[in-house]
Protein backbone atom coordinates (compact mmCIF):
# COMPACT_ATOMS: atom_id res chain seq x y z
CA MET A 1 -14.59 16.71 -19.28
CA TYR A 2 -11.47 16.76 -17.20
CA LYS A 3 -10.34 13.60 -15.19
CA LEU A 4 -8.29 13.66 -11.79
CA TYR A 5 -6.21 10.81 -11.29
CA GLY A 6 -4.49 10.17 -8.11
CA ILE A 7 -5.52 8.46 -4.24
CA LYS A 8 -8.02 10.37 -2.42
CA ASN A 9 -6.81 10.58 0.90
CA CYS A 10 -3.28 12.30 0.04
CA ASP A 11 -3.25 15.99 0.37
CA THR A 12 -2.23 17.05 -2.74
CA ILE A 13 -5.24 15.66 -4.20
CA LYS A 14 -7.47 16.88 -1.38
CA LYS A 15 -6.35 20.82 -2.65
CA ALA A 16 -6.98 19.97 -6.17
CA ARG A 17 -10.08 18.80 -5.82
CA THR A 18 -10.67 21.97 -3.59
CA SER A 19 -9.24 23.92 -6.16
CA LEU A 20 -11.27 22.83 -9.14
CA THR A 21 -14.26 22.74 -7.57
CA ALA A 22 -13.85 26.49 -6.72
CA SER A 23 -13.10 27.07 -9.94
CA GLY A 24 -16.99 25.43 -11.03
CA ILE A 25 -14.89 23.10 -13.52
CA ASP A 26 -16.73 19.57 -14.02
CA TYR A 27 -14.41 16.98 -13.46
CA ARG A 28 -14.31 13.17 -12.55
CA PHE A 29 -11.93 11.50 -10.25
CA HIS A 30 -10.40 7.97 -10.67
CA ASP A 31 -8.69 6.78 -7.64
CA TYR A 32 -5.98 4.19 -8.40
CA ARG A 33 -6.84 1.97 -5.21
CA VAL A 34 -10.75 1.77 -6.00
CA ASP A 35 -10.30 2.42 -9.82
CA GLY A 36 -6.49 0.96 -10.56
CA ILE A 37 -4.39 2.08 -13.47
CA ASP A 38 -4.55 -0.20 -16.51
CA ASP A 39 -1.12 -0.53 -18.35
CA ALA A 40 -2.47 1.12 -21.79
CA LEU A 41 -4.04 4.59 -19.22
CA LEU A 42 -0.38 4.46 -17.88
CA GLN A 43 1.73 4.09 -21.30
CA SER A 44 -0.60 7.24 -22.43
CA PHE A 45 0.63 8.92 -19.51
CA ILE A 46 4.48 8.09 -20.16
CA ASP A 47 4.46 8.85 -23.84
CA GLN A 48 2.75 12.52 -22.79
CA VAL A 49 5.37 13.18 -19.87
CA GLY A 50 8.19 10.63 -19.56
CA TYR A 51 8.30 8.03 -16.41
CA GLU A 52 10.68 10.28 -14.92
CA VAL A 53 7.82 13.09 -14.17
CA LEU A 54 5.35 10.40 -13.80
CA LEU A 55 7.48 8.10 -10.71
CA ASN A 56 7.69 9.85 -7.17
CA THR A 57 10.77 8.78 -5.85
CA ARG A 58 10.05 11.66 -3.11
CA GLY A 59 7.44 9.57 -1.17
CA THR A 60 6.74 7.18 1.33
CA THR A 61 6.44 4.45 -1.02
CA TRP A 62 9.24 4.84 -3.31
CA ARG A 63 11.25 5.40 0.41
CA LYS A 64 9.81 2.00 2.10
CA LEU A 65 11.32 -0.12 -1.23
CA PRO A 66 14.57 -1.86 -0.59
CA GLU A 67 17.44 0.00 -2.07
CA ALA A 68 17.19 -3.70 -4.67
CA GLU A 69 14.47 -2.63 -6.05
CA ARG A 70 15.11 1.33 -6.39
CA ASP A 71 17.97 0.58 -8.34
CA ALA A 72 16.08 -1.94 -10.37
CA ILE A 73 14.59 1.19 -11.75
CA ILE A 74 16.54 1.94 -14.72
CA ASP A 75 14.21 2.43 -17.43
CA ALA A 76 10.69 3.34 -18.59
CA ALA A 77 9.82 -0.42 -18.73
CA SER A 78 10.81 -1.09 -15.50
CA ALA A 79 8.82 2.26 -13.47
CA LYS A 80 5.84 1.08 -15.44
CA ALA A 81 6.00 -2.17 -14.05
CA LEU A 82 6.39 -0.49 -10.26
CA MET A 83 3.44 1.84 -11.10
CA LEU A 84 1.30 -0.70 -12.51
CA ALA A 85 2.31 -2.58 -8.96
CA GLN A 86 2.23 -0.04 -6.93
CA PRO A 87 -0.14 2.58 -8.12
CA ALA A 88 0.48 4.82 -4.89
CA ILE A 89 4.05 5.47 -6.46
CA ILE A 90 2.30 7.71 -9.23
CA LYS A 91 3.41 11.74 -8.45
CA ARG A 92 -0.15 13.08 -7.79
CA PRO A 93 -2.58 14.23 -8.84
CA VAL A 94 -2.65 13.88 -12.65
CA LEU A 95 -5.04 16.36 -14.18
CA SER A 96 -6.16 14.93 -17.91
CA ALA A 97 -7.43 17.73 -19.76
CA PRO A 98 -10.14 17.15 -22.49
CA ASN A 99 -7.83 16.89 -25.51
CA GLY A 100 -5.84 14.40 -23.39
CA ASP A 101 -2.85 16.80 -22.22
CA LEU A 102 -1.68 15.98 -18.83
CA LEU A 103 -0.08 18.32 -15.96
CA VAL A 104 1.54 16.28 -13.32
CA GLY A 105 1.47 17.60 -9.51
CA PHE A 106 -0.53 20.49 -8.14
CA ASN A 107 0.31 23.84 -8.10
CA ASP A 108 -2.83 26.47 -7.73
CA SER A 109 -1.58 28.87 -10.25
CA LEU A 110 -0.52 26.24 -12.73
CA TYR A 111 -3.76 25.17 -12.43
CA HIS A 112 -5.80 27.81 -13.39
CA ALA A 113 -3.11 28.92 -16.43
CA PHE A 114 -3.41 25.10 -17.93
CA ILE A 115 -7.49 25.42 -17.70
CA GLN A 116 -7.75 29.08 -19.31
CA GLU A 117 -5.52 27.57 -21.98
CA LYS A 118 -7.39 24.31 -22.46
CA SER A 119 -10.44 26.52 -22.47
């Protein structure tokens, strides 16, 4: 089963959920704010796609951080600590295929291609 990770009130998450539902894709939604994210899961994401892909430096959460905190993100360990402390800073959505492959961000045509490739 596919898993979609994010925050339910995020507009991009809403688009991704609508796309998956319209395509008849069975998935489970994991809300970082409700379900949390643990160290092992986040590390598996980082190992697969890199912290640079996961860390949303364009969003409100990042912009609200003090400059010193932003400047302290220098490697995977510091980025992971920040993402664990503030899951809203993880780029959304993260779509996990049944085999564990990940797609980060949302684009309808990329979602369809990703799902077709994994089927």
